[in-house]
């Protein structure tokens, strides 16, 4: 078998491609099922693969993004449009993110106080008391992070996630690495218990977290 593969790589490659084309939906469905039933091995493999091939992956991504910018932008805009129509929670979060970003950049004159209960001056003062300042954010490479991830809030709690105490400026790479995980140490450090989503607060109380429950 190995001898045949060594002598006929092109035939085998064509056969595999044909098989994939003819059974694409079934193959993808089986892979998806296997991943959801046991995701951890695949996650570990993906992380290790990325560490080993980081330079090649990033170079390819940049090149692909440059060559297919219009196509990717169109696909992204369509995704955002469809999700905003079907997911009210996502729509509210995105609208509020745009509002905060535009006010900081001076693109909008609307008052944050009208929507969030505090002024732009209060927010800027809060940021400039942190490790990274507004000037860092404006020059690029930084982003506004929700210390308690906004994805943890229910639809009727989204405004709470935009409380200025829950916002900080951090490097974009750090924000990506942080993901949507709740860091209890940061909640404790900045005394944000009163801003926790209801379900997280109930969970903390049920687990008798004396370090968190006020």
N, C-alpha and C. Protein backbone atom coordinates (compact mmCIF):
# COMPACT_ATOMS: atom_id res chain seq x y z
N UNK A 1 0.83 -1.20 0.00
CA UNK A 1 0.00 0.00 0.00
C UNK A 1 0.86 1.25 0.00
N UNK A 2 1.85 1.28 0.91
CA UNK A 2 2.75 2.43 0.99
C UNK A 2 3.53 2.61 -0.29
N UNK A 3 3.91 1.48 -0.94
CA UNK A 3 4.66 1.54 -2.19
C UNK A 3 3.80 2.18 -3.28
N UNK A 4 2.49 1.81 -3.31
CA UNK A 4 1.59 2.37 -4.31
C UNK A 4 1.42 3.88 -4.09
N UNK A 5 1.27 4.30 -2.83
CA UNK A 5 1.11 5.71 -2.53
C UNK A 5 2.34 6.50 -2.93
N UNK A 6 3.50 5.90 -2.71
CA UNK A 6 4.74 6.59 -3.06
C UNK A 6 4.90 6.79 -4.56
N UNK A 7 4.39 5.85 -5.34
CA UNK A 7 4.53 5.93 -6.79
C UNK A 7 3.39 6.68 -7.46
N UNK A 8 2.28 6.86 -6.79
CA UNK A 8 1.10 7.46 -7.42
C UNK A 8 0.48 8.60 -6.59
N UNK A 9 1.27 9.56 -6.15
CA UNK A 9 0.73 10.64 -5.30
C UNK A 9 -0.34 11.48 -6.00
N UNK A 10 -0.18 11.72 -7.32
CA UNK A 10 -1.15 12.56 -8.04
C UNK A 10 -2.50 11.86 -8.16
N UNK A 11 -2.48 10.57 -8.47
CA UNK A 11 -3.72 9.81 -8.58
C UNK A 11 -4.47 9.79 -7.24
N UNK A 12 -3.72 9.57 -6.18
CA UNK A 12 -4.33 9.51 -4.85
C UNK A 12 -4.91 10.86 -4.47
N UNK A 13 -4.17 11.93 -4.78
CA UNK A 13 -4.64 13.29 -4.48
C UNK A 13 -5.94 13.60 -5.22
N UNK A 14 -5.98 13.24 -6.51
CA UNK A 14 -7.20 13.48 -7.32
C UNK A 14 -8.37 12.67 -6.77
N UNK A 15 -8.10 11.43 -6.37
CA UNK A 15 -9.15 10.55 -5.86
C UNK A 15 -9.73 11.12 -4.56
N UNK A 16 -8.82 11.62 -3.70
CA UNK A 16 -9.27 12.19 -2.43
C UNK A 16 -10.09 13.46 -2.65
N UNK A 17 -9.65 14.29 -3.59
CA UNK A 17 -10.38 15.52 -3.89
C UNK A 17 -11.77 15.22 -4.45
N UNK A 18 -11.83 14.23 -5.32
CA UNK A 18 -13.11 13.84 -5.89
C UNK A 18 -14.05 13.31 -4.81
N UNK A 19 -13.50 12.48 -3.94
CA UNK A 19 -14.30 11.93 -2.84
C UNK A 19 -14.83 13.05 -1.95
N UNK A 20 -13.99 14.05 -1.68
CA UNK A 20 -14.41 15.17 -0.84
C UNK A 20 -15.52 15.98 -1.50
N UNK A 21 -15.36 16.25 -2.80
CA UNK A 21 -16.38 17.02 -3.53
C UNK A 21 -17.73 16.30 -3.52
N UNK A 22 -17.68 14.99 -3.71
CA UNK A 22 -18.92 14.21 -3.80
C UNK A 22 -19.58 13.98 -2.44
N UNK A 23 -18.79 14.07 -1.37
CA UNK A 23 -19.32 13.78 -0.03
C UNK A 23 -19.07 14.92 0.96
N UNK A 24 -18.95 16.11 0.42
CA UNK A 24 -18.55 17.27 1.23
C UNK A 24 -19.45 17.49 2.45
N UNK A 25 -20.76 17.54 2.24
CA UNK A 25 -21.69 17.82 3.33
C UNK A 25 -21.60 16.78 4.44
N UNK A 26 -21.54 15.52 4.04
CA UNK A 26 -21.47 14.44 5.02
C UNK A 26 -20.16 14.49 5.81
N UNK A 27 -19.06 14.76 5.10
CA UNK A 27 -17.74 14.84 5.75
C UNK A 27 -17.71 15.98 6.77
N UNK A 28 -18.21 17.17 6.37
CA UNK A 28 -18.21 18.33 7.26
C UNK A 28 -19.12 18.10 8.47
N UNK A 29 -20.25 17.44 8.22
CA UNK A 29 -21.19 17.15 9.32
C UNK A 29 -20.55 16.20 10.33
N UNK A 30 -19.85 15.17 9.84
CA UNK A 30 -19.18 14.21 10.73
C UNK A 30 -18.07 14.88 11.53
N UNK A 31 -17.30 15.76 10.86
CA UNK A 31 -16.22 16.47 11.55
C UNK A 31 -16.78 17.38 12.64
N UNK A 32 -17.88 18.07 12.30
CA UNK A 32 -18.51 18.97 13.27
C UNK A 32 -19.03 18.17 14.47
N UNK A 33 -19.63 17.03 14.21
CA UNK A 33 -20.16 16.17 15.27
C UNK A 33 -19.04 15.68 16.17
N UNK A 34 -17.95 15.23 15.57
CA UNK A 34 -16.81 14.73 16.33
C UNK A 34 -16.21 15.84 17.21
N UNK A 35 -16.15 17.05 16.63
CA UNK A 35 -15.57 18.17 17.38
C UNK A 35 -16.43 18.52 18.60
N UNK A 36 -17.74 18.61 18.41
CA UNK A 36 -18.62 19.01 19.50
C UNK A 36 -18.74 17.93 20.58
N UNK A 37 -18.55 16.69 20.19
CA UNK A 37 -18.61 15.60 21.17
C UNK A 37 -17.34 15.55 22.02
N UNK A 38 -16.22 15.94 21.41
CA UNK A 38 -14.94 15.91 22.13
C UNK A 38 -14.02 17.02 21.59
N UNK A 39 -14.27 18.28 21.96
CA UNK A 39 -13.55 19.41 21.37
C UNK A 39 -12.11 19.60 21.85
N UNK A 40 -11.80 19.10 23.05
CA UNK A 40 -10.51 19.42 23.66
C UNK A 40 -9.30 18.96 22.83
N UNK A 41 -9.27 17.72 22.30
CA UNK A 41 -8.11 17.30 21.50
C UNK A 41 -7.88 18.21 20.29
N UNK A 42 -8.97 18.61 19.62
CA UNK A 42 -8.84 19.48 18.45
C UNK A 42 -8.33 20.85 18.84
N UNK A 43 -8.80 21.37 19.97
CA UNK A 43 -8.33 22.67 20.44
C UNK A 43 -6.83 22.64 20.74
N UNK A 44 -6.40 21.57 21.42
CA UNK A 44 -4.98 21.42 21.73
C UNK A 44 -4.14 21.32 20.46
N UNK A 45 -4.66 20.55 19.50
CA UNK A 45 -3.95 20.40 18.22
C UNK A 45 -3.84 21.74 17.50
N UNK A 46 -4.96 22.50 17.47
CA UNK A 46 -4.96 23.79 16.78
C UNK A 46 -3.99 24.77 17.43
N UNK A 47 -3.95 24.78 18.76
CA UNK A 47 -3.05 25.68 19.48
C UNK A 47 -1.60 25.33 19.17
N UNK A 48 -1.29 24.03 19.22
CA UNK A 48 0.08 23.59 18.95
C UNK A 48 0.47 23.86 17.50
N UNK A 49 -0.46 23.63 16.59
CA UNK A 49 -0.19 23.87 15.17
C UNK A 49 0.09 25.35 14.93
N UNK A 50 -0.70 26.21 15.60
CA UNK A 50 -0.51 27.65 15.42
C UNK A 50 0.84 28.09 15.97
N UNK A 51 1.22 27.57 17.14
CA UNK A 51 2.52 27.94 17.72
C UNK A 51 3.66 27.52 16.79
N UNK A 52 3.54 26.34 16.20
CA UNK A 52 4.60 25.82 15.34
C UNK A 52 4.68 26.57 14.00
N UNK A 53 3.52 27.00 13.47
CA UNK A 53 3.48 27.60 12.14
C UNK A 53 2.99 29.05 12.17
N UNK A 54 3.24 29.73 13.29
CA UNK A 54 2.70 31.08 13.50
C UNK A 54 3.08 32.04 12.37
N UNK A 55 4.36 32.06 12.01
CA UNK A 55 4.82 33.01 10.99
C UNK A 55 4.17 32.75 9.64
N UNK A 56 4.10 31.47 9.23
CA UNK A 56 3.51 31.14 7.93
C UNK A 56 2.02 31.45 7.91
N UNK A 57 1.32 31.13 9.03
CA UNK A 57 -0.12 31.38 9.10
C UNK A 57 -0.42 32.86 9.02
N UNK A 58 0.32 33.67 9.78
CA UNK A 58 0.10 35.11 9.79
C UNK A 58 0.42 35.74 8.44
N UNK A 59 1.51 35.25 7.81
CA UNK A 59 1.89 35.78 6.49
C UNK A 59 0.82 35.45 5.46
N UNK A 60 0.31 34.22 5.50
CA UNK A 60 -0.75 33.81 4.57
C UNK A 60 -2.02 34.62 4.81
N UNK A 61 -2.37 34.82 6.09
CA UNK A 61 -3.59 35.57 6.43
C UNK A 61 -3.52 37.00 5.92
N UNK A 62 -2.34 37.61 6.08
CA UNK A 62 -2.17 38.99 5.59
C UNK A 62 -2.29 39.06 4.08
N UNK A 63 -1.65 38.10 3.40
CA UNK A 63 -1.68 38.08 1.95
C UNK A 63 -3.10 37.81 1.44
N UNK A 64 -3.77 36.84 2.05
CA UNK A 64 -5.13 36.49 1.64
C UNK A 64 -6.07 37.67 1.89
N UNK A 65 -5.91 38.32 3.03
CA UNK A 65 -6.74 39.47 3.35
C UNK A 65 -6.55 40.61 2.38
N UNK A 66 -5.31 40.81 1.96
CA UNK A 66 -5.00 41.87 1.01
C UNK A 66 -5.59 41.58 -0.37
N UNK A 67 -5.48 40.32 -0.79
CA UNK A 67 -5.94 39.95 -2.13
C UNK A 67 -7.45 39.79 -2.23
N UNK A 68 -8.09 39.54 -1.10
CA UNK A 68 -9.55 39.30 -1.11
C UNK A 68 -10.29 40.29 -0.20
N UNK A 69 -9.75 41.50 -0.11
CA UNK A 69 -10.31 42.49 0.82
C UNK A 69 -11.78 42.78 0.56
N UNK A 70 -12.11 43.03 -0.70
CA UNK A 70 -13.51 43.36 -1.03
C UNK A 70 -14.46 42.20 -0.70
N UNK A 71 -14.04 41.03 -1.09
CA UNK A 71 -14.87 39.84 -0.85
C UNK A 71 -15.08 39.61 0.65
N UNK A 72 -14.00 39.73 1.44
CA UNK A 72 -14.09 39.51 2.88
C UNK A 72 -14.91 40.60 3.55
N UNK A 73 -14.74 41.84 3.10
CA UNK A 73 -15.51 42.95 3.66
C UNK A 73 -17.00 42.76 3.40
N UNK A 74 -17.31 42.36 2.17
CA UNK A 74 -18.71 42.13 1.80
C UNK A 74 -19.31 41.01 2.65
N UNK A 75 -18.56 39.94 2.83
CA UNK A 75 -19.04 38.79 3.61
C UNK A 75 -19.23 39.19 5.08
N UNK A 76 -18.28 39.97 5.60
CA UNK A 76 -18.38 40.41 7.00
C UNK A 76 -19.58 41.33 7.20
N UNK A 77 -19.77 42.27 6.28
CA UNK A 77 -20.89 43.20 6.39
C UNK A 77 -22.24 42.48 6.31
N UNK A 78 -22.29 41.45 5.46
CA UNK A 78 -23.52 40.66 5.34
C UNK A 78 -23.79 39.90 6.63
N UNK A 79 -22.72 39.35 7.22
CA UNK A 79 -22.86 38.63 8.50
C UNK A 79 -23.38 39.56 9.59
N UNK A 80 -22.79 40.77 9.67
CA UNK A 80 -23.21 41.74 10.69
C UNK A 80 -24.65 42.16 10.46
N UNK A 81 -25.00 42.39 9.21
CA UNK A 81 -26.37 42.80 8.87
C UNK A 81 -27.39 41.74 9.30
N UNK A 82 -27.09 40.48 8.96
CA UNK A 82 -28.02 39.38 9.27
C UNK A 82 -28.10 39.15 10.78
N UNK A 83 -26.97 39.23 11.45
CA UNK A 83 -26.98 38.96 12.90
C UNK A 83 -27.66 40.08 13.67
N UNK A 84 -27.51 41.32 13.20
CA UNK A 84 -28.19 42.43 13.87
C UNK A 84 -29.70 42.29 13.76
N UNK A 85 -30.17 41.70 12.68
CA UNK A 85 -31.61 41.52 12.49
C UNK A 85 -32.14 40.35 13.31
N UNK A 86 -31.31 39.33 13.51
CA UNK A 86 -31.78 38.11 14.17
C UNK A 86 -31.41 38.02 15.65
N UNK A 87 -30.46 38.87 16.10
CA UNK A 87 -29.96 38.78 17.47
C UNK A 87 -30.03 40.15 18.15
N UNK A 88 -31.13 40.44 18.86
CA UNK A 88 -31.29 41.76 19.51
C UNK A 88 -30.16 42.11 20.47
N UNK A 89 -29.68 41.11 21.21
CA UNK A 89 -28.59 41.35 22.16
C UNK A 89 -27.34 41.82 21.45
N UNK A 90 -26.99 41.15 20.36
CA UNK A 90 -25.83 41.54 19.55
C UNK A 90 -26.02 42.94 18.99
N UNK A 91 -27.21 43.25 18.54
CA UNK A 91 -27.52 44.55 17.96
C UNK A 91 -27.29 45.67 18.98
N UNK A 92 -27.78 45.46 20.20
CA UNK A 92 -27.61 46.48 21.25
C UNK A 92 -26.13 46.66 21.59
N UNK A 93 -25.40 45.54 21.75
CA UNK A 93 -23.97 45.63 22.11
C UNK A 93 -23.19 46.37 21.04
N UNK A 94 -23.46 46.04 19.78
CA UNK A 94 -22.72 46.66 18.69
C UNK A 94 -23.02 48.15 18.60
N UNK A 95 -24.29 48.51 18.76
CA UNK A 95 -24.68 49.91 18.68
C UNK A 95 -24.01 50.73 19.78
N UNK A 96 -23.93 50.16 20.98
CA UNK A 96 -23.33 50.88 22.10
C UNK A 96 -21.81 50.98 21.95
N UNK A 97 -21.20 49.93 21.41
CA UNK A 97 -19.76 49.98 21.14
C UNK A 97 -19.43 51.08 20.14
N UNK A 98 -20.23 51.15 19.09
CA UNK A 98 -20.03 52.19 18.07
C UNK A 98 -20.23 53.57 18.66
N UNK A 99 -21.21 53.71 19.53
CA UNK A 99 -21.47 55.00 20.15
C UNK A 99 -20.28 55.47 20.96
N UNK A 100 -19.77 54.61 21.85
CA UNK A 100 -18.62 54.97 22.70
C UNK A 100 -17.41 55.30 21.83
N UNK A 101 -17.14 54.46 20.83
CA UNK A 101 -15.99 54.67 19.95
C UNK A 101 -16.10 55.98 19.18
N UNK A 102 -17.26 56.26 18.65
CA UNK A 102 -17.45 57.48 17.85
C UNK A 102 -17.39 58.74 18.70
N UNK A 103 -17.91 58.68 19.92
CA UNK A 103 -17.85 59.85 20.79
C UNK A 103 -16.41 60.16 21.17
N UNK A 104 -15.63 59.12 21.49
CA UNK A 104 -14.22 59.33 21.86
C UNK A 104 -13.44 59.92 20.69
N UNK A 105 -13.73 59.47 19.48
CA UNK A 105 -13.03 59.97 18.30
C UNK A 105 -13.62 61.30 17.79
N UNK A 106 -14.65 61.78 18.44
CA UNK A 106 -15.24 63.05 18.04
C UNK A 106 -16.08 62.97 16.79
N UNK A 107 -16.53 61.76 16.42
CA UNK A 107 -17.32 61.59 15.20
C UNK A 107 -18.81 61.83 15.46
N UNK A 108 -19.19 61.86 16.75
CA UNK A 108 -20.59 62.09 17.09
C UNK A 108 -20.67 63.13 18.21
N UNK A 109 -21.74 63.88 18.20
CA UNK A 109 -21.94 64.90 19.22
C UNK A 109 -22.94 64.46 20.29
N UNK A 110 -23.54 63.27 20.11
CA UNK A 110 -24.51 62.80 21.09
C UNK A 110 -23.86 62.65 22.45
N UNK A 111 -24.62 62.87 23.48
CA UNK A 111 -24.13 62.75 24.84
C UNK A 111 -24.20 61.30 25.30
N UNK A 112 -23.09 60.81 25.85
CA UNK A 112 -23.10 59.47 26.43
C UNK A 112 -24.06 59.40 27.60
N UNK A 113 -24.19 60.53 28.28
CA UNK A 113 -25.04 60.57 29.46
C UNK A 113 -26.48 60.18 29.15
N UNK A 114 -26.94 60.54 27.96
CA UNK A 114 -28.30 60.23 27.54
C UNK A 114 -28.52 58.72 27.47
N UNK A 115 -27.49 57.98 27.05
CA UNK A 115 -27.63 56.54 26.84
C UNK A 115 -27.07 55.70 28.00
N UNK A 116 -25.95 56.17 28.59
CA UNK A 116 -25.25 55.34 29.56
C UNK A 116 -25.22 55.92 30.97
N UNK A 117 -25.64 57.16 31.13
CA UNK A 117 -25.71 57.73 32.47
C UNK A 117 -24.45 58.41 32.96
N UNK A 118 -23.46 58.58 32.08
CA UNK A 118 -22.26 59.33 32.46
C UNK A 118 -21.76 60.12 31.26
N UNK A 119 -20.96 61.14 31.51
CA UNK A 119 -20.50 62.02 30.44
C UNK A 119 -19.22 61.49 29.81
N UNK A 120 -18.87 62.01 28.65
CA UNK A 120 -17.63 61.64 27.98
C UNK A 120 -16.43 62.07 28.83
N UNK A 121 -16.56 63.19 29.54
CA UNK A 121 -15.48 63.66 30.40
C UNK A 121 -15.20 62.66 31.53
N UNK A 122 -16.28 62.10 32.09
CA UNK A 122 -16.13 61.09 33.14
C UNK A 122 -15.40 59.86 32.61
N UNK A 123 -15.77 59.43 31.40
CA UNK A 123 -15.14 58.26 30.80
C UNK A 123 -13.66 58.51 30.49
N UNK A 124 -13.35 59.66 29.91
CA UNK A 124 -11.96 59.98 29.56
C UNK A 124 -11.10 60.10 30.81
N UNK A 125 -11.65 60.71 31.86
CA UNK A 125 -10.92 60.83 33.13
C UNK A 125 -10.65 59.44 33.70
N UNK A 126 -11.64 58.55 33.61
CA UNK A 126 -11.48 57.18 34.10
C UNK A 126 -10.37 56.46 33.34
N UNK A 127 -10.37 56.59 32.01
CA UNK A 127 -9.33 55.95 31.20
C UNK A 127 -7.94 56.49 31.53
N UNK A 128 -7.83 57.80 31.70
CA UNK A 128 -6.51 58.40 31.94
C UNK A 128 -5.98 58.12 33.34
N UNK A 129 -6.80 57.52 34.20
CA UNK A 129 -6.33 57.07 35.51
C UNK A 129 -5.86 55.62 35.46
N UNK A 130 -6.00 54.99 34.28
CA UNK A 130 -5.59 53.60 34.12
C UNK A 130 -4.16 53.49 33.61
N UNK A 131 -3.73 52.24 33.38
CA UNK A 131 -2.36 52.01 32.91
C UNK A 131 -2.16 52.56 31.50
N UNK A 132 -3.18 52.36 30.64
CA UNK A 132 -3.10 52.86 29.27
C UNK A 132 -4.09 54.01 29.10
N UNK A 133 -3.66 55.05 28.38
CA UNK A 133 -4.42 56.30 28.30
C UNK A 133 -5.20 56.40 26.99
N UNK A 134 -6.02 57.46 26.92
CA UNK A 134 -6.80 57.71 25.71
C UNK A 134 -5.88 57.93 24.52
N UNK A 135 -4.74 58.58 24.74
CA UNK A 135 -3.81 58.84 23.64
C UNK A 135 -3.28 57.52 23.04
N UNK A 136 -3.15 56.48 23.88
CA UNK A 136 -2.73 55.17 23.37
C UNK A 136 -3.80 54.59 22.46
N UNK A 137 -5.06 54.70 22.91
CA UNK A 137 -6.18 54.17 22.14
C UNK A 137 -6.30 54.85 20.79
N UNK A 138 -6.11 56.17 20.77
CA UNK A 138 -6.30 56.93 19.54
C UNK A 138 -5.21 56.66 18.50
N UNK A 139 -4.03 56.25 18.96
CA UNK A 139 -2.94 56.02 18.00
C UNK A 139 -3.00 54.62 17.38
N UNK A 140 -3.91 53.77 17.88
CA UNK A 140 -4.09 52.44 17.29
C UNK A 140 -3.33 51.36 18.03
N UNK A 141 -3.77 50.11 17.86
CA UNK A 141 -3.13 48.97 18.51
C UNK A 141 -3.69 48.69 19.90
N UNK A 142 -4.65 49.51 20.32
CA UNK A 142 -5.29 49.34 21.63
C UNK A 142 -6.80 49.29 21.43
N UNK A 143 -7.50 48.77 22.42
CA UNK A 143 -8.95 48.71 22.30
C UNK A 143 -9.59 48.91 23.67
N UNK A 144 -10.89 49.20 23.65
CA UNK A 144 -11.65 49.35 24.88
C UNK A 144 -12.16 47.97 25.28
N UNK A 145 -11.74 47.54 26.44
CA UNK A 145 -12.08 46.19 26.93
C UNK A 145 -13.11 46.27 28.04
N UNK A 146 -14.03 45.30 28.05
CA UNK A 146 -14.97 45.14 29.15
C UNK A 146 -14.34 44.19 30.15
N UNK A 147 -14.05 44.69 31.34
CA UNK A 147 -13.41 43.85 32.37
C UNK A 147 -14.29 42.63 32.66
N UNK A 148 -15.57 42.88 32.91
CA UNK A 148 -16.55 41.78 32.93
C UNK A 148 -17.10 41.68 31.51
N UNK A 149 -16.80 40.60 30.79
CA UNK A 149 -17.18 40.51 29.37
C UNK A 149 -18.65 40.79 29.12
N UNK A 150 -18.94 41.58 28.11
CA UNK A 150 -20.33 41.93 27.81
C UNK A 150 -21.14 40.74 27.34
N UNK A 151 -20.45 39.69 26.87
CA UNK A 151 -21.17 38.49 26.40
C UNK A 151 -21.85 37.75 27.56
N UNK A 152 -21.48 38.06 28.81
CA UNK A 152 -22.06 37.39 29.97
C UNK A 152 -23.38 38.01 30.41
N UNK A 153 -23.69 39.18 29.88
CA UNK A 153 -24.89 39.88 30.28
C UNK A 153 -26.09 39.49 29.43
N UNK A 154 -27.26 39.49 30.06
CA UNK A 154 -28.49 39.27 29.32
C UNK A 154 -28.86 40.56 28.58
N UNK A 155 -29.84 40.43 27.69
CA UNK A 155 -30.24 41.56 26.85
C UNK A 155 -30.60 42.79 27.68
N UNK A 156 -31.33 42.61 28.78
CA UNK A 156 -31.77 43.75 29.58
C UNK A 156 -30.69 44.27 30.53
N UNK A 157 -29.48 43.67 30.47
CA UNK A 157 -28.38 44.11 31.35
C UNK A 157 -27.22 44.74 30.57
N UNK A 158 -27.35 44.84 29.25
CA UNK A 158 -26.24 45.29 28.42
C UNK A 158 -25.70 46.65 28.85
N UNK A 159 -26.59 47.58 29.20
CA UNK A 159 -26.14 48.91 29.62
C UNK A 159 -25.21 48.83 30.83
N UNK A 160 -25.48 47.87 31.71
CA UNK A 160 -24.64 47.69 32.89
C UNK A 160 -23.21 47.35 32.50
N UNK A 161 -23.05 46.58 31.44
CA UNK A 161 -21.71 46.19 31.00
C UNK A 161 -20.90 47.38 30.49
N UNK A 162 -21.60 48.46 30.10
CA UNK A 162 -20.93 49.65 29.60
C UNK A 162 -20.72 50.71 30.69
N UNK A 163 -20.93 50.35 31.96
CA UNK A 163 -20.58 51.25 33.05
C UNK A 163 -19.10 51.59 32.93
N UNK A 164 -18.77 52.85 33.15
CA UNK A 164 -17.38 53.26 32.89
C UNK A 164 -16.38 52.51 33.76
N UNK A 165 -16.83 52.08 34.98
CA UNK A 165 -15.90 51.33 35.84
C UNK A 165 -15.51 49.99 35.22
N UNK A 166 -16.37 49.48 34.33
CA UNK A 166 -16.13 48.18 33.72
C UNK A 166 -15.32 48.27 32.43
N UNK A 167 -14.93 49.47 32.05
CA UNK A 167 -14.18 49.67 30.81
C UNK A 167 -12.73 50.01 31.09
N UNK A 168 -11.85 49.49 30.25
CA UNK A 168 -10.43 49.82 30.37
C UNK A 168 -9.79 49.78 28.99
N UNK A 169 -8.70 50.49 28.84
CA UNK A 169 -7.94 50.47 27.58
C UNK A 169 -6.77 49.52 27.75
N UNK A 170 -6.67 48.53 26.86
CA UNK A 170 -5.57 47.57 26.90
C UNK A 170 -5.11 47.30 25.47
N UNK A 171 -3.89 46.75 25.31
CA UNK A 171 -3.43 46.39 23.97
C UNK A 171 -4.37 45.39 23.30
N UNK A 172 -4.57 45.52 21.99
CA UNK A 172 -5.50 44.66 21.26
C UNK A 172 -5.13 43.18 21.41
N UNK A 173 -3.82 42.86 21.39
CA UNK A 173 -3.39 41.47 21.51
C UNK A 173 -3.79 40.90 22.87
N UNK A 174 -3.67 41.73 23.90
CA UNK A 174 -4.05 41.29 25.25
C UNK A 174 -5.54 41.04 25.33
N UNK A 175 -6.31 41.87 24.63
CA UNK A 175 -7.77 41.72 24.63
C UNK A 175 -8.18 40.41 23.95
N UNK A 176 -7.50 40.08 22.85
CA UNK A 176 -7.79 38.83 22.13
C UNK A 176 -7.46 37.62 23.01
N UNK A 177 -6.31 37.70 23.70
CA UNK A 177 -5.90 36.60 24.57
C UNK A 177 -6.86 36.44 25.75
N UNK A 178 -7.40 37.55 26.24
CA UNK A 178 -8.33 37.54 27.37
C UNK A 178 -9.63 36.85 27.01
N UNK A 179 -10.10 37.07 25.77
CA UNK A 179 -11.34 36.45 25.32
C UNK A 179 -12.54 36.91 26.14
N UNK A 180 -13.49 36.01 26.33
CA UNK A 180 -14.70 36.37 27.09
C UNK A 180 -14.74 35.66 28.44
N UNK A 181 -13.55 35.42 29.00
CA UNK A 181 -13.47 34.77 30.30
C UNK A 181 -13.58 35.81 31.42
N UNK A 182 -14.28 35.46 32.47
CA UNK A 182 -14.42 36.34 33.63
C UNK A 182 -13.22 36.15 34.55
N UNK A 183 -12.49 37.23 34.77
CA UNK A 183 -11.31 37.21 35.65
C UNK A 183 -11.73 37.72 37.03
N UNK A 184 -11.90 36.81 37.97
CA UNK A 184 -12.36 37.19 39.30
C UNK A 184 -11.36 38.10 40.00
N UNK A 185 -10.10 37.94 39.69
CA UNK A 185 -9.08 38.79 40.32
C UNK A 185 -9.27 40.25 39.92
N UNK A 186 -9.63 40.48 38.66
CA UNK A 186 -9.87 41.85 38.21
C UNK A 186 -11.15 42.41 38.82
N UNK A 187 -12.17 41.55 38.94
CA UNK A 187 -13.43 41.98 39.57
C UNK A 187 -13.15 42.43 41.00
N UNK A 188 -12.31 41.66 41.69
CA UNK A 188 -11.96 41.99 43.07
C UNK A 188 -11.08 43.23 43.13
N UNK A 189 -10.09 43.31 42.23
CA UNK A 189 -9.14 44.43 42.21
C UNK A 189 -9.86 45.77 42.03
N UNK A 190 -10.83 45.80 41.09
CA UNK A 190 -11.52 47.05 40.78
C UNK A 190 -12.88 47.17 41.49
N UNK A 191 -13.17 46.21 42.38
CA UNK A 191 -14.40 46.25 43.17
C UNK A 191 -15.63 46.39 42.27
N UNK A 192 -15.82 45.39 41.39
CA UNK A 192 -16.88 45.46 40.39
C UNK A 192 -18.03 44.49 40.69
N UNK A 193 -18.12 44.03 41.94
CA UNK A 193 -19.17 43.06 42.26
C UNK A 193 -20.54 43.60 41.90
N UNK A 194 -20.79 44.89 42.15
CA UNK A 194 -22.11 45.47 41.90
C UNK A 194 -22.47 45.50 40.41
N UNK A 195 -21.46 45.27 39.54
CA UNK A 195 -21.71 45.28 38.09
C UNK A 195 -21.84 43.87 37.51
N UNK A 196 -21.72 42.85 38.33
CA UNK A 196 -21.81 41.48 37.82
C UNK A 196 -23.22 41.20 37.28
N UNK A 197 -23.30 40.41 36.20
CA UNK A 197 -24.63 39.97 35.71
C UNK A 197 -25.35 39.19 36.80
N UNK A 198 -26.66 39.22 36.78
CA UNK A 198 -27.46 38.55 37.82
C UNK A 198 -27.09 37.08 37.98
N UNK A 199 -26.97 36.39 36.84
CA UNK A 199 -26.73 34.94 36.92
C UNK A 199 -25.35 34.63 37.51
N UNK A 200 -24.35 35.50 37.23
CA UNK A 200 -23.01 35.30 37.79
C UNK A 200 -23.01 35.62 39.27
N UNK A 201 -23.75 36.65 39.65
CA UNK A 201 -23.84 37.02 41.06
C UNK A 201 -24.51 35.91 41.88
N UNK A 202 -25.57 35.34 41.32
CA UNK A 202 -26.26 34.23 42.00
C UNK A 202 -25.33 33.04 42.14
N UNK A 203 -24.57 32.77 41.07
CA UNK A 203 -23.62 31.65 41.10
C UNK A 203 -22.56 31.88 42.17
N UNK A 204 -22.05 33.12 42.26
CA UNK A 204 -21.03 33.44 43.26
C UNK A 204 -21.57 33.26 44.67
N UNK A 205 -22.82 33.67 44.87
CA UNK A 205 -23.43 33.54 46.19
C UNK A 205 -23.68 32.08 46.55
N UNK A 206 -24.10 31.29 45.54
CA UNK A 206 -24.37 29.86 45.78
C UNK A 206 -23.09 29.09 46.08
N UNK A 207 -21.97 29.56 45.51
CA UNK A 207 -20.68 28.92 45.76
C UNK A 207 -20.01 29.47 47.01
N UNK A 208 -20.71 30.43 47.66
CA UNK A 208 -20.24 31.02 48.91
C UNK A 208 -18.84 31.61 48.75
N UNK A 209 -18.69 32.40 47.70
CA UNK A 209 -17.40 33.05 47.46
C UNK A 209 -17.30 34.27 48.38
N UNK A 210 -16.74 34.08 49.54
CA UNK A 210 -16.66 35.16 50.51
C UNK A 210 -15.80 36.32 50.03
N UNK A 211 -14.90 36.03 49.06
CA UNK A 211 -14.05 37.09 48.54
C UNK A 211 -14.80 37.98 47.56
N UNK A 212 -15.99 37.49 47.06
CA UNK A 212 -16.72 38.25 46.07
C UNK A 212 -18.06 38.77 46.58
N UNK A 213 -18.72 37.99 47.42
CA UNK A 213 -20.08 38.35 47.83
C UNK A 213 -20.04 39.48 48.83
N UNK A 214 -20.69 40.60 48.44
CA UNK A 214 -20.70 41.78 49.31
C UNK A 214 -21.83 41.68 50.33
